[in-house]
Amino acid sequence: NMLKVYIYGLKCPEKGIVRYVGKSKNPKQRYSEHLSHTKARRYDNIHCYRWMAKLLKNNLKPELIILEECNIENWKEREKHWIAKFGLSNLLNMNEGGIEPPDNTGFKWTEEQKKNHPS
């Protein structure tokens, strides 16, 4: 079912606490992206990146846990729920959740730019 969305956590292997909450339709794939992006020094969240880079340097990896299975209609409120539950100040997340991640280029075209940009 394509409409399934998973709220996942990245857990610290040393402290056993969740440090990052995210959402994905394919958490396992998202998890390997987190790892490969960190190795390639690519990141959209500097805090999460620094934490993961440190773990990888010590031959450790965050543990992927599925917090909840939800859907396209309610993932935003569920992600917010989990971030609030762990507490934003305890997490490496940069916002309270429920926000569509930027596309992979890391920037968004404005409507103006879209109009003037030959696709």
PDB file of N, CA and C in Angstrom:
ATOM      1  N   ASN A   1       0.845  -1.211   0.000  1.00  0.00           N
ATOM      2  CA  ASN A   1       0.000   0.000   0.000  1.00  0.00           C
ATOM      3  C   ASN A   1       0.878   1.258   0.000  1.00  0.00           C
ATOM      4  N   MET A   2       0.812   2.021  -1.072  1.00  0.00           N
ATOM      5  CA  MET A   2       1.660   3.203  -1.227  1.00  0.00           C
ATOM      6  C   MET A   2       1.320   4.318  -0.242  1.00  0.00           C
ATOM      7  N   LEU A   3       0.133   4.243   0.344  1.00  0.00           N
ATOM      8  CA  LEU A   3      -0.285   5.361   1.185  1.00  0.00           C
ATOM      9  C   LEU A   3       0.218   5.236   2.624  1.00  0.00           C
ATOM     10  N   LYS A   4       0.908   4.154   2.898  1.00  0.00           N
ATOM     11  CA  LYS A   4       1.450   3.984   4.243  1.00  0.00           C
ATOM     12  C   LYS A   4       2.652   4.874   4.450  1.00  0.00           C
ATOM     13  N   VAL A   5       2.690   5.518   5.600  1.00  0.00           N
ATOM     14  CA  VAL A   5       3.834   6.340   5.973  1.00  0.00           C
ATOM     15  C   VAL A   5       4.269   5.883   7.357  1.00  0.00           C
ATOM     16  N   TYR A   6       5.557   5.790   7.551  1.00  0.00           N
ATOM     17  CA  TYR A   6       6.074   5.342   8.832  1.00  0.00           C
ATOM     18  C   TYR A   6       6.769   6.489   9.550  1.00  0.00           C
ATOM     19  N   ILE A   7       6.491   6.603  10.831  1.00  0.00           N
ATOM     20  CA  ILE A   7       7.249   7.529  11.673  1.00  0.00           C
ATOM     21  C   ILE A   7       8.336   6.674  12.307  1.00  0.00           C
ATOM     22  N   TYR A   8       9.593   7.091  12.098  1.00  0.00           N
ATOM     23  CA  TYR A   8      10.697   6.283  12.619  1.00  0.00           C
ATOM     24  C   TYR A   8      11.553   7.113  13.565  1.00  0.00           C
ATOM     25  N   GLY A   9      12.300   6.407  14.365  1.00  0.00           N
ATOM     26  CA  GLY A   9      13.246   7.060  15.247  1.00  0.00           C
ATOM     27  C   GLY A   9      14.640   6.525  14.987  1.00  0.00           C
ATOM     28  N   LEU A  10      15.643   7.374  15.178  1.00  0.00           N
ATOM     29  CA  LEU A  10      17.032   6.923  15.167  1.00  0.00           C
ATOM     30  C   LEU A  10      17.503   6.949  16.613  1.00  0.00           C
ATOM     31  N   LYS A  11      17.860   5.781  17.082  1.00  0.00           N
ATOM     32  CA  LYS A  11      18.184   5.600  18.501  1.00  0.00           C
ATOM     33  C   LYS A  11      19.694   5.529  18.692  1.00  0.00           C
ATOM     34  N   CYS A  12      20.169   6.151  19.732  1.00  0.00           N
ATOM     35  CA  CYS A  12      21.594   6.132  20.042  1.00  0.00           C
ATOM     36  C   CYS A  12      21.991   4.762  20.576  1.00  0.00           C
ATOM     37  N   PRO A  13      22.976   4.099  19.938  1.00  0.00           N
ATOM     38  CA  PRO A  13      23.387   2.769  20.391  1.00  0.00           C
ATOM     39  C   PRO A  13      24.078   2.807  21.751  1.00  0.00           C
ATOM     40  N   GLU A  14      24.586   3.973  22.127  1.00  0.00           N
ATOM     41  CA  GLU A  14      25.291   4.081  23.412  1.00  0.00           C
ATOM     42  C   GLU A  14      24.336   4.392  24.548  1.00  0.00           C
ATOM     43  N   LYS A  15      23.458   5.355  24.324  1.00  0.00           N
ATOM     44  CA  LYS A  15      22.578   5.809  25.407  1.00  0.00           C
ATOM     45  C   LYS A  15      21.204   5.160  25.372  1.00  0.00           C
ATOM     46  N   GLY A  16      20.881   4.501  24.246  1.00  0.00           N
ATOM     47  CA  GLY A  16      19.584   3.844  24.149  1.00  0.00           C
ATOM     48  C   GLY A  16      18.410   4.799  24.080  1.00  0.00           C
ATOM     49  N   ILE A  17      18.675   6.056  23.677  1.00  0.00           N
ATOM     50  CA  ILE A  17      17.575   7.014  23.553  1.00  0.00           C
ATOM     51  C   ILE A  17      17.399   7.460  22.103  1.00  0.00           C
ATOM     52  N   VAL A  18      16.163   7.803  21.770  1.00  0.00           N
ATOM     53  CA  VAL A  18      15.877   8.286  20.425  1.00  0.00           C
ATOM     54  C   VAL A  18      16.418   9.705  20.292  1.00  0.00           C
ATOM     55  N   ARG A  19      17.213   9.935  19.251  1.00  0.00           N
ATOM     56  CA  ARG A  19      17.806  11.244  19.033  1.00  0.00           C
ATOM     57  C   ARG A  19      17.194  11.994  17.857  1.00  0.00           C
ATOM     58  N   TYR A  20      16.495  11.256  16.974  1.00  0.00           N
ATOM     59  CA  TYR A  20      15.947  11.888  15.782  1.00  0.00           C
ATOM     60  C   TYR A  20      14.660  11.176  15.389  1.00  0.00           C
ATOM     61  N   VAL A  21      13.657  11.963  15.002  1.00  0.00           N
ATOM     62  CA  VAL A  21      12.385  11.408  14.536  1.00  0.00           C
ATOM     63  C   VAL A  21      12.165  11.862  13.094  1.00  0.00           C
ATOM     64  N   GLY A  22      11.770  10.936  12.243  1.00  0.00           N
ATOM     65  CA  GLY A  22      11.502  11.276  10.849  1.00  0.00           C
ATOM     66  C   GLY A  22      10.324  10.493  10.318  1.00  0.00           C
ATOM     67  N   LYS A  23       9.979  10.771   9.061  1.00  0.00           N
ATOM     68  CA  LYS A  23       8.912   9.985   8.441  1.00  0.00           C
ATOM     69  C   LYS A  23       9.381   9.518   7.076  1.00  0.00           C
ATOM     70  N   SER A  24       8.910   8.361   6.677  1.00  0.00           N
ATOM     71  CA  SER A  24       9.268   7.850   5.368  1.00  0.00           C
ATOM     72  C   SER A  24       8.272   6.792   4.937  1.00  0.00           C
ATOM     73  N   LYS A  25       8.102   6.662   3.625  1.00  0.00           N
ATOM     74  CA  LYS A  25       7.284   5.576   3.101  1.00  0.00           C
ATOM     75  C   LYS A  25       8.091   4.292   3.110  1.00  0.00           C
ATOM     76  N   ASN A  26       9.407   4.453   3.140  1.00  0.00           N
ATOM     77  CA  ASN A  26      10.282   3.295   3.143  1.00  0.00           C
ATOM     78  C   ASN A  26      11.429   3.540   4.132  1.00  0.00           C
ATOM     79  N   PRO A  27      11.165   3.295   5.427  1.00  0.00           N
ATOM     80  CA  PRO A  27      12.140   3.657   6.466  1.00  0.00           C
ATOM     81  C   PRO A  27      13.500   2.968   6.316  1.00  0.00           C
ATOM     82  N   LYS A  28      13.495   1.717   5.858  1.00  0.00           N
ATOM     83  CA  LYS A  28      14.785   1.019   5.701  1.00  0.00           C
ATOM     84  C   LYS A  28      15.652   1.714   4.663  1.00  0.00           C
ATOM     85  N   GLN A  29      15.022   2.114   3.574  1.00  0.00           N
ATOM     86  CA  GLN A  29      15.754   2.824   2.528  1.00  0.00           C
ATOM     87  C   GLN A  29      16.199   4.193   3.037  1.00  0.00           C
ATOM     88  N   ARG A  30      15.311   4.868   3.748  1.00  0.00           N
ATOM     89  CA  ARG A  30      15.628   6.182   4.314  1.00  0.00           C
ATOM     90  C   ARG A  30      16.806   6.066   5.276  1.00  0.00           C
ATOM     91  N   TYR A  31      16.800   4.981   6.057  1.00  0.00           N
ATOM     92  CA  TYR A  31      17.870   4.733   7.015  1.00  0.00           C
ATOM     93  C   TYR A  31      19.217   4.583   6.299  1.00  0.00           C
ATOM     94  N   SER A  32      19.243   3.806   5.222  1.00  0.00           N
ATOM     95  CA  SER A  32      20.523   3.667   4.514  1.00  0.00           C
ATOM     96  C   SER A  32      20.929   4.962   3.839  1.00  0.00           C
ATOM     97  N   GLU A  33      19.940   5.788   3.451  1.00  0.00           N
ATOM     98  CA  GLU A  33      20.287   7.118   2.923  1.00  0.00           C
ATOM     99  C   GLU A  33      20.936   7.972   4.002  1.00  0.00           C
ATOM    100  N   HIS A  34      20.374   7.941   5.213  1.00  0.00           N
ATOM    101  CA  HIS A  34      20.983   8.683   6.326  1.00  0.00           C
ATOM    102  C   HIS A  34      22.454   8.304   6.443  1.00  0.00           C
ATOM    103  N   LEU A  35      22.729   7.005   6.394  1.00  0.00           N
ATOM    104  CA  LEU A  35      24.103   6.528   6.557  1.00  0.00           C
ATOM    105  C   LEU A  35      24.990   6.916   5.380  1.00  0.00           C
ATOM    106  N   SER A  36      24.498   6.684   4.157  1.00  0.00           N
ATOM    107  CA  SER A  36      25.343   6.983   2.996  1.00  0.00           C
ATOM    108  C   SER A  36      25.551   8.481   2.824  1.00  0.00           C
ATOM    109  N   HIS A  37      24.520   9.279   3.115  1.00  0.00           N
ATOM    110  CA  HIS A  37      24.674  10.734   3.036  1.00  0.00           C
ATOM    111  C   HIS A  37      25.689  11.224   4.056  1.00  0.00           C
ATOM    112  N   THR A  38      25.664  10.638   5.243  1.00  0.00           N
ATOM    113  CA  THR A  38      26.620  11.033   6.274  1.00  0.00           C
ATOM    114  C   THR A  38      28.037  10.723   5.814  1.00  0.00           C
ATOM    115  N   LYS A  39      28.235   9.531   5.260  1.00  0.00           N
ATOM    116  CA  LYS A  39      29.563   9.157   4.756  1.00  0.00           C
ATOM    117  C   LYS A  39      30.006  10.091   3.641  1.00  0.00           C
ATOM    118  N   ALA A  40      29.055  10.528   2.823  1.00  0.00           N
ATOM    119  CA  ALA A  40      29.386  11.411   1.696  1.00  0.00           C
ATOM    120  C   ALA A  40      29.407  12.881   2.114  1.00  0.00           C
ATOM    121  N   ARG A  41      29.241  13.131   3.410  1.00  0.00           N
ATOM    122  CA  ARG A  41      29.211  14.487   3.963  1.00  0.00           C
ATOM    123  C   ARG A  41      28.087  15.338   3.353  1.00  0.00           C
ATOM    124  N   ARG A  42      26.971  14.707   3.057  1.00  0.00           N
ATOM    125  CA  ARG A  42      25.803  15.439   2.575  1.00  0.00           C
ATOM    126  C   ARG A  42      24.786  15.474   3.692  1.00  0.00           C
ATOM    127  N   TYR A  43      24.214  16.623   3.939  1.00  0.00           N
ATOM    128  CA  TYR A  43      23.220  16.667   5.010  1.00  0.00           C
ATOM    129  C   TYR A  43      22.265  17.831   4.822  1.00  0.00           C
ATOM    130  N   ASP A  44      21.060  17.668   5.372  1.00  0.00           N
ATOM    131  CA  ASP A  44      20.151  18.806   5.449  1.00  0.00           C
ATOM    132  C   ASP A  44      19.954  19.216   6.901  1.00  0.00           C
ATOM    133  N   ASN A  45      20.491  18.394   7.829  1.00  0.00           N
ATOM    134  CA  ASN A  45      20.388  18.714   9.246  1.00  0.00           C
ATOM    135  C   ASN A  45      21.772  18.525   9.855  1.00  0.00           C
ATOM    136  N   ILE A  46      22.430  19.636  10.134  1.00  0.00           N
ATOM    137  CA  ILE A  46      23.813  19.600  10.624  1.00  0.00           C
ATOM    138  C   ILE A  46      23.941  18.856  11.955  1.00  0.00           C
ATOM    139  N   HIS A  47      22.915  18.974  12.818  1.00  0.00           N
ATOM    140  CA  HIS A  47      22.974  18.347  14.145  1.00  0.00           C
ATOM    141  C   HIS A  47      22.934  16.822  14.025  1.00  0.00           C
ATOM    142  N   CYS A  48      22.002  16.361  13.222  1.00  0.00           N
ATOM    143  CA  CYS A  48      21.861  14.931  12.997  1.00  0.00           C
ATOM    144  C   CYS A  48      23.122  14.388  12.308  1.00  0.00           C
ATOM    145  N   TYR A  49      23.611  15.158  11.340  1.00  0.00           N
ATOM    146  CA  TYR A  49      24.822  14.770  10.611  1.00  0.00           C
ATOM    147  C   TYR A  49      26.021  14.608  11.546  1.00  0.00           C
ATOM    148  N   ARG A  50      26.231  15.588  12.414  1.00  0.00           N
ATOM    149  CA  ARG A  50      27.392  15.537  13.325  1.00  0.00           C
ATOM    150  C   ARG A  50      27.314  14.328  14.248  1.00  0.00           C
ATOM    151  N   TRP A  51      26.120  14.079  14.751  1.00  0.00           N
ATOM    152  CA  TRP A  51      25.901  12.944  15.651  1.00  0.00           C
ATOM    153  C   TRP A  51      26.207  11.625  14.936  1.00  0.00           C
ATOM    154  N   MET A  52      25.656  11.473  13.724  1.00  0.00           N
ATOM    155  CA  MET A  52      25.849  10.236  12.981  1.00  0.00           C
ATOM    156  C   MET A  52      27.298  10.053  12.537  1.00  0.00           C
ATOM    157  N   ALA A  53      27.936  11.150  12.150  1.00  0.00           N
ATOM    158  CA  ALA A  53      29.336  11.077  11.722  1.00  0.00           C
ATOM    159  C   ALA A  53      30.216  10.583  12.873  1.00  0.00           C
ATOM    160  N   LYS A  54      29.912  11.058  14.086  1.00  0.00           N
ATOM    161  CA  LYS A  54      30.664  10.662  15.267  1.00  0.00           C
ATOM    162  C   LYS A  54      30.478   9.166  15.556  1.00  0.00           C
ATOM    163  N   LEU A  55      29.225   8.723  15.444  1.00  0.00           N
ATOM    164  CA  LEU A  55      28.948   7.298  15.655  1.00  0.00           C
ATOM    165  C   LEU A  55      29.703   6.443  14.636  1.00  0.00           C
ATOM    166  N   LEU A  56      29.590   6.823  13.360  1.00  0.00           N
ATOM    167  CA  LEU A  56      30.226   6.040  12.295  1.00  0.00           C
ATOM    168  C   LEU A  56      31.735   5.968  12.486  1.00  0.00           C
ATOM    169  N   LYS A  57      32.300   7.075  12.963  1.00  0.00           N
ATOM    170  CA  LYS A  57      33.748   7.116  13.214  1.00  0.00           C
ATOM    171  C   LYS A  57      34.141   6.069  14.257  1.00  0.00           C
ATOM    172  N   ASN A  58      33.226   5.815  15.204  1.00  0.00           N
ATOM    173  CA  ASN A  58      33.478   4.821  16.252  1.00  0.00           C
ATOM    174  C   ASN A  58      32.904   3.452  15.895  1.00  0.00           C
ATOM    175  N   ASN A  59      32.664   3.243  14.609  1.00  0.00           N
ATOM    176  CA  ASN A  59      32.093   1.982  14.126  1.00  0.00           C
ATOM    177  C   ASN A  59      30.755   1.634  14.771  1.00  0.00           C
ATOM    178  N   LEU A  60      29.987   2.660  15.062  1.00  0.00           N
ATOM    179  CA  LEU A  60      28.642   2.462  15.596  1.00  0.00           C
ATOM    180  C   LEU A  60      27.638   3.006  14.602  1.00  0.00           C
ATOM    181  N   LYS A  61      26.397   2.571  14.750  1.00  0.00           N
ATOM    182  CA  LYS A  61      25.330   3.077  13.893  1.00  0.00           C
ATOM    183  C   LYS A  61      24.116   3.340  14.746  1.00  0.00           C
ATOM    184  N   PRO A  62      23.350   4.364  14.390  1.00  0.00           N
ATOM    185  CA  PRO A  62      22.091   4.536  15.102  1.00  0.00           C
ATOM    186  C   PRO A  62      21.192   3.338  14.803  1.00  0.00           C
ATOM    187  N   GLU A  63      20.301   3.044  15.723  1.00  0.00           N
ATOM    188  CA  GLU A  63      19.372   1.945  15.526  1.00  0.00           C
ATOM    189  C   GLU A  63      18.068   2.507  14.974  1.00  0.00           C
ATOM    190  N   LEU A  64      17.559   1.879  13.927  1.00  0.00           N
ATOM    191  CA  LEU A  64      16.293   2.317  13.332  1.00  0.00           C
ATOM    192  C   LEU A  64      15.141   1.674  14.079  1.00  0.00           C
ATOM    193  N   ILE A  65      14.227   2.485  14.581  1.00  0.00           N
ATOM    194  CA  ILE A  65      13.025   1.909  15.180  1.00  0.00           C
ATOM    195  C   ILE A  65      11.785   2.516  14.540  1.00  0.00           C
ATOM    196  N   ILE A  66      10.795   1.682  14.313  1.00  0.00           N
ATOM    197  CA  ILE A  66       9.534   2.173  13.764  1.00  0.00           C
ATOM    198  C   ILE A  66       8.651   2.563  14.942  1.00  0.00           C
ATOM    199  N   LEU A  67       8.294   3.827  14.998  1.00  0.00           N
ATOM    200  CA  LEU A  67       7.475   4.315  16.103  1.00  0.00           C
ATOM    201  C   LEU A  67       6.000   4.105  15.821  1.00  0.00           C
ATOM    202  N   GLU A  68       5.629   4.306  14.569  1.00  0.00           N
ATOM    203  CA  GLU A  68       4.213   4.199  14.228  1.00  0.00           C
ATOM    204  C   GLU A  68       4.026   4.071  12.727  1.00  0.00           C
ATOM    205  N   GLU A  69       2.991   3.340  12.378  1.00  0.00           N
ATOM    206  CA  GLU A  69       2.600   3.224  10.984  1.00  0.00           C
ATOM    207  C   GLU A  69       1.369   4.105  10.824  1.00  0.00           C
ATOM    208  N   CYS A  70       1.425   5.057   9.916  1.00  0.00           N
ATOM    209  CA  CYS A  70       0.260   5.913   9.721  1.00  0.00           C
ATOM    210  C   CYS A  70       0.019   6.067   8.233  1.00  0.00           C
ATOM    211  N   ASN A  71      -0.622   7.132   7.816  1.00  0.00           N
ATOM    212  CA  ASN A  71      -0.904   7.275   6.385  1.00  0.00           C
ATOM    213  C   ASN A  71      -0.722   8.715   5.954  1.00  0.00           C
ATOM    214  N   ILE A  72      -0.924   8.908   4.670  1.00  0.00           N
ATOM    215  CA  ILE A  72      -0.695  10.190   4.029  1.00  0.00           C
ATOM    216  C   ILE A  72      -1.563  11.285   4.651  1.00  0.00           C
ATOM    217  N   GLU A  73      -2.734  10.887   5.174  1.00  0.00           N
ATOM    218  CA  GLU A  73      -3.644  11.882   5.748  1.00  0.00           C
ATOM    219  C   GLU A  73      -3.167  12.386   7.120  1.00  0.00           C
ATOM    220  N   ASN A  74      -2.573  11.498   7.919  1.00  0.00           N
ATOM    221  CA  ASN A  74      -2.320  11.925   9.301  1.00  0.00           C
ATOM    222  C   ASN A  74      -0.856  11.885   9.737  1.00  0.00           C
ATOM    223  N   TRP A  75       0.085  11.646   8.817  1.00  0.00           N
ATOM    224  CA  TRP A  75       1.475  11.532   9.260  1.00  0.00           C
ATOM    225  C   TRP A  75       1.999  12.812   9.900  1.00  0.00           C
ATOM    226  N   LYS A  76       1.518  13.966   9.419  1.00  0.00           N
ATOM    227  CA  LYS A  76       2.044  15.229   9.948  1.00  0.00           C
ATOM    228  C   LYS A  76       1.743  15.372  11.436  1.00  0.00           C
ATOM    229  N   GLU A  77       0.495  15.092  11.810  1.00  0.00           N
ATOM    230  CA  GLU A  77       0.159  15.212  13.236  1.00  0.00           C
ATOM    231  C   GLU A  77       0.830  14.109  14.056  1.00  0.00           C
ATOM    232  N   ARG A  78       1.005  12.929  13.449  1.00  0.00           N
ATOM    233  CA  ARG A  78       1.661  11.830  14.179  1.00  0.00           C
ATOM    234  C   ARG A  78       3.151  12.129  14.372  1.00  0.00           C
ATOM    235  N   GLU A  79       3.795  12.683  13.360  1.00  0.00           N
ATOM    236  CA  GLU A  79       5.202  13.030  13.516  1.00  0.00           C
ATOM    237  C   GLU A  79       5.353  14.102  14.604  1.00  0.00           C
ATOM    238  N   LYS A  80       4.471  15.099  14.569  1.00  0.00           N
ATOM    239  CA  LYS A  80       4.494  16.137  15.613  1.00  0.00           C
ATOM    240  C   LYS A  80       4.297  15.529  16.992  1.00  0.00           C
ATOM    241  N   HIS A  81       3.368  14.566  17.062  1.00  0.00           N
ATOM    242  CA  HIS A  81       3.082  13.887  18.327  1.00  0.00           C
ATOM    243  C   HIS A  81       4.348  13.244  18.889  1.00  0.00           C
ATOM    244  N   TRP A  82       5.069  12.522  18.066  1.00  0.00           N
ATOM    245  CA  TRP A  82       6.265  11.806  18.532  1.00  0.00           C
ATOM    246  C   TRP A  82       7.396  12.766  18.890  1.00  0.00           C
ATOM    247  N   ILE A  83       7.550  13.824  18.108  1.00  0.00           N
ATOM    248  CA  ILE A  83       8.603  14.801  18.422  1.00  0.00           C
ATOM    249  C   ILE A  83       8.289  15.480  19.757  1.00  0.00           C
ATOM    250  N   ALA A  84       7.003  15.789  19.970  1.00  0.00           N
ATOM    251  CA  ALA A  84       6.594  16.407  21.235  1.00  0.00           C
ATOM    252  C   ALA A  84       6.777  15.426  22.395  1.00  0.00           C
ATOM    253  N   LYS A  85       6.494  14.158  22.138  1.00  0.00           N
ATOM    254  CA  LYS A  85       6.606  13.130  23.177  1.00  0.00           C
ATOM    255  C   LYS A  85       8.047  13.001  23.663  1.00  0.00           C
ATOM    256  N   PHE A  86       8.995  12.944  22.723  1.00  0.00           N
ATOM    257  CA  PHE A  86      10.404  12.849  23.122  1.00  0.00           C
ATOM    258  C   PHE A  86      10.925  14.208  23.583  1.00  0.00           C
ATOM    259  N   GLY A  87      10.315  15.274  23.086  1.00  0.00           N
ATOM    260  CA  GLY A  87      10.735  16.623  23.426  1.00  0.00           C
ATOM    261  C   GLY A  87      11.740  17.139  22.427  1.00  0.00           C
ATOM    262  N   LEU A  88      11.363  18.209  21.725  1.00  0.00           N
ATOM    263  CA  LEU A  88      12.234  18.757  20.686  1.00  0.00           C
ATOM    264  C   LEU A  88      13.627  19.053  21.236  1.00  0.00           C
ATOM    265  N   SER A  89      13.695  19.489  22.497  1.00  0.00           N
ATOM    266  CA  SER A  89      14.999  19.860  23.071  1.00  0.00           C
ATOM    267  C   SER A  89      15.892  18.638  23.312  1.00  0.00           C
ATOM    268  N   ASN A  90      15.293  17.436  23.320  1.00  0.00           N
ATOM    269  CA  ASN A  90      16.087  16.209  23.494  1.00  0.00           C
ATOM    270  C   ASN A  90      16.481  15.594  22.158  1.00  0.00           C
ATOM    271  N   LEU A  91      15.946  16.154  21.088  1.00  0.00           N
ATOM    272  CA  LEU A  91      16.155  15.581  19.764  1.00  0.00           C
ATOM    273  C   LEU A  91      17.081  16.448  18.931  1.00  0.00           C
ATOM    274  N   LEU A  92      17.544  15.878  17.827  1.00  0.00           N
ATOM    275  CA  LEU A  92      18.381  16.617  16.889  1.00  0.00           C
ATOM    276  C   LEU A  92      17.537  17.223  15.771  1.00  0.00           C
ATOM    277  N   ASN A  93      16.227  17.004  15.826  1.00  0.00           N
ATOM    278  CA  ASN A  93      15.338  17.606  14.828  1.00  0.00           C
ATOM    279  C   ASN A  93      15.428  19.119  14.903  1.00  0.00           C
ATOM    280  N   MET A  94      15.230  19.769  13.758  1.00  0.00           N
ATOM    281  CA  MET A  94      15.345  21.216  13.713  1.00  0.00           C
ATOM    282  C   MET A  94      13.995  21.923  13.786  1.00  0.00           C
ATOM    283  N   ASN A  95      12.912  21.151  13.739  1.00  0.00           N
ATOM    284  CA  ASN A  95      11.593  21.766  13.889  1.00  0.00           C
ATOM    285  C   ASN A  95      10.649  20.767  14.530  1.00  0.00           C
ATOM    286  N   GLU A  96       9.435  21.203  14.808  1.00  0.00           N
ATOM    287  CA  GLU A  96       8.520  20.355  15.571  1.00  0.00           C
ATOM    288  C   GLU A  96       7.806  19.314  14.717  1.00  0.00           C
ATOM    289  N   GLY A  97       8.181  19.224  13.443  1.00  0.00           N
ATOM    290  CA  GLY A  97       7.663  18.140  12.610  1.00  0.00           C
ATOM    291  C   GLY A  97       6.471  18.532  11.769  1.00  0.00           C
ATOM    292  N   GLY A  98       6.004  17.563  10.985  1.00  0.00           N
ATOM    293  CA  GLY A  98       4.842  17.792  10.143  1.00  0.00           C
ATOM    294  C   GLY A  98       5.131  18.644   8.928  1.00  0.00           C
ATOM    295  N   ILE A  99       6.407  18.764   8.572  1.00  0.00           N
ATOM    296  CA  ILE A  99       6.791  19.611   7.445  1.00  0.00           C
ATOM    297  C   ILE A  99       7.342  18.725   6.330  1.00  0.00           C
ATOM    298  N   GLU A 100       6.878  18.939   5.116  1.00  0.00           N
ATOM    299  CA  GLU A 100       7.408  18.173   3.985  1.00  0.00           C
ATOM    300  C   GLU A 100       8.899  18.467   3.857  1.00  0.00           C
ATOM    301  N   PRO A 101       9.724  17.418   3.740  1.00  0.00           N
ATOM    302  CA  PRO A 101      11.152  17.696   3.584  1.00  0.00           C
ATOM    303  C   PRO A 101      11.410  18.396   2.254  1.00  0.00           C
ATOM    304  N   PRO A 102      12.471  19.200   2.191  1.00  0.00           N
ATOM    305  CA  PRO A 102      12.780  19.857   0.923  1.00  0.00           C
ATOM    306  C   PRO A 102      13.146  18.796  -0.102  1.00  0.00           C
ATOM    307  N   ASP A 103      13.011  19.112  -1.375  1.00  0.00           N
ATOM    308  CA  ASP A 103      13.435  18.138  -2.378  1.00  0.00           C
ATOM    309  C   ASP A 103      14.950  17.980  -2.288  1.00  0.00           C
ATOM    310  N   ASN A 104      15.475  16.978  -2.952  1.00  0.00           N
ATOM    311  CA  ASN A 104      16.879  16.620  -2.763  1.00  0.00           C
ATOM    312  C   ASN A 104      17.875  17.674  -3.199  1.00  0.00           C
ATOM    313  N   THR A 105      17.425  18.639  -4.005  1.00  0.00           N
ATOM    314  CA  THR A 105      18.366  19.673  -4.432  1.00  0.00           C
ATOM    315  C   THR A 105      18.645  20.635  -3.297  1.00  0.00           C
ATOM    316  N   GLY A 106      17.788  20.600  -2.266  1.00  0.00           N
ATOM    317  CA  GLY A 106      18.033  21.437  -1.111  1.00  0.00           C
ATOM    318  C   GLY A 106      17.474  22.841  -1.238  1.00  0.00           C
ATOM    319  N   PHE A 107      16.834  23.143  -2.359  1.00  0.00           N
ATOM    320  CA  PHE A 107      16.165  24.444  -2.427  1.00  0.00           C
ATOM    321  C   PHE A 107      14.848  24.293  -3.153  1.00  0.00           C
ATOM    322  N   LYS A 108      13.976  25.239  -2.949  1.00  0.00           N
ATOM    323  CA  LYS A 108      12.668  25.216  -3.593  1.00  0.00           C
ATOM    324  C   LYS A 108      12.596  26.346  -4.614  1.00  0.00           C
ATOM    325  N   TRP A 109      12.097  26.027  -5.796  1.00  0.00           N
ATOM    326  CA  TRP A 109      11.822  27.081  -6.768  1.00  0.00           C
ATOM    327  C   TRP A 109      10.677  27.939  -6.240  1.00  0.00           C
ATOM    328  N   THR A 110      10.769  29.235  -6.403  1.00  0.00           N
ATOM    329  CA  THR A 110       9.605  30.073  -6.147  1.00  0.00           C
ATOM    330  C   THR A 110       8.676  29.925  -7.340  1.00  0.00           C
ATOM    331  N   GLU A 111       7.429  30.308  -7.184  1.00  0.00           N
ATOM    332  CA  GLU A 111       6.472  30.236  -8.299  1.00  0.00           C
ATOM    333  C   GLU A 111       7.011  31.043  -9.490  1.00  0.00           C
ATOM    334  N   GLU A 112       7.605  32.175  -9.187  1.00  0.00           N
ATOM    335  CA  GLU A 112       8.178  33.065 -10.186  1.00  0.00           C
ATOM    336  C   GLU A 112       9.263  32.333 -10.991  1.00  0.00           C
ATOM    337  N   GLN A 113      10.174  31.680 -10.263  1.00  0.00           N
ATOM    338  CA  GLN A 113      11.265  30.952 -10.906  1.00  0.00           C
ATOM    339  C   GLN A 113      10.726  29.803 -11.755  1.00  0.00           C
ATOM    340  N   LYS A 114       9.739  29.101 -11.221  1.00  0.00           N
ATOM    341  CA  LYS A 114       9.142  27.970 -11.952  1.00  0.00           C
ATOM    342  C   LYS A 114       8.617  28.433 -13.287  1.00  0.00           C
ATOM    343  N   LYS A 115       7.921  29.583 -13.241  1.00  0.00           N
ATOM    344  CA  LYS A 115       7.302  30.139 -14.436  1.00  0.00           C
ATOM    345  C   LYS A 115       8.361  30.455 -15.496  1.00  0.00           C
ATOM    346  N   ASN A 116       9.491  31.021 -15.030  1.00  0.00           N
ATOM    347  CA  ASN A 116      10.524  31.468 -15.958  1.00  0.00           C
ATOM    348  C   ASN A 116      11.529  30.379 -16.313  1.00  0.00           C
ATOM    349  N   HIS A 117      11.359  29.212 -15.703  1.00  0.00           N
ATOM    350  CA  HIS A 117      12.350  28.164 -15.913  1.00  0.00           C
ATOM    351  C   HIS A 117      11.843  27.138 -16.912  1.00  0.00           C
ATOM    352  N   PRO A 118      12.525  26.982 -18.050  1.00  0.00           N
ATOM    353  CA  PRO A 118      12.083  25.975 -19.006  1.00  0.00           C
ATOM    354  C   PRO A 118      12.261  24.600 -18.373  1.00  0.00           C
ATOM    355  N   SER A 119      11.195  23.801 -18.304  1.00  0.00           N
ATOM    356  CA  SER A 119      11.364  22.492 -17.660  1.00  0.00           C
ATOM    357  C   SER A 119      11.869  21.484 -18.666  1.00  0.00           C
TER     358      SER A 119
END
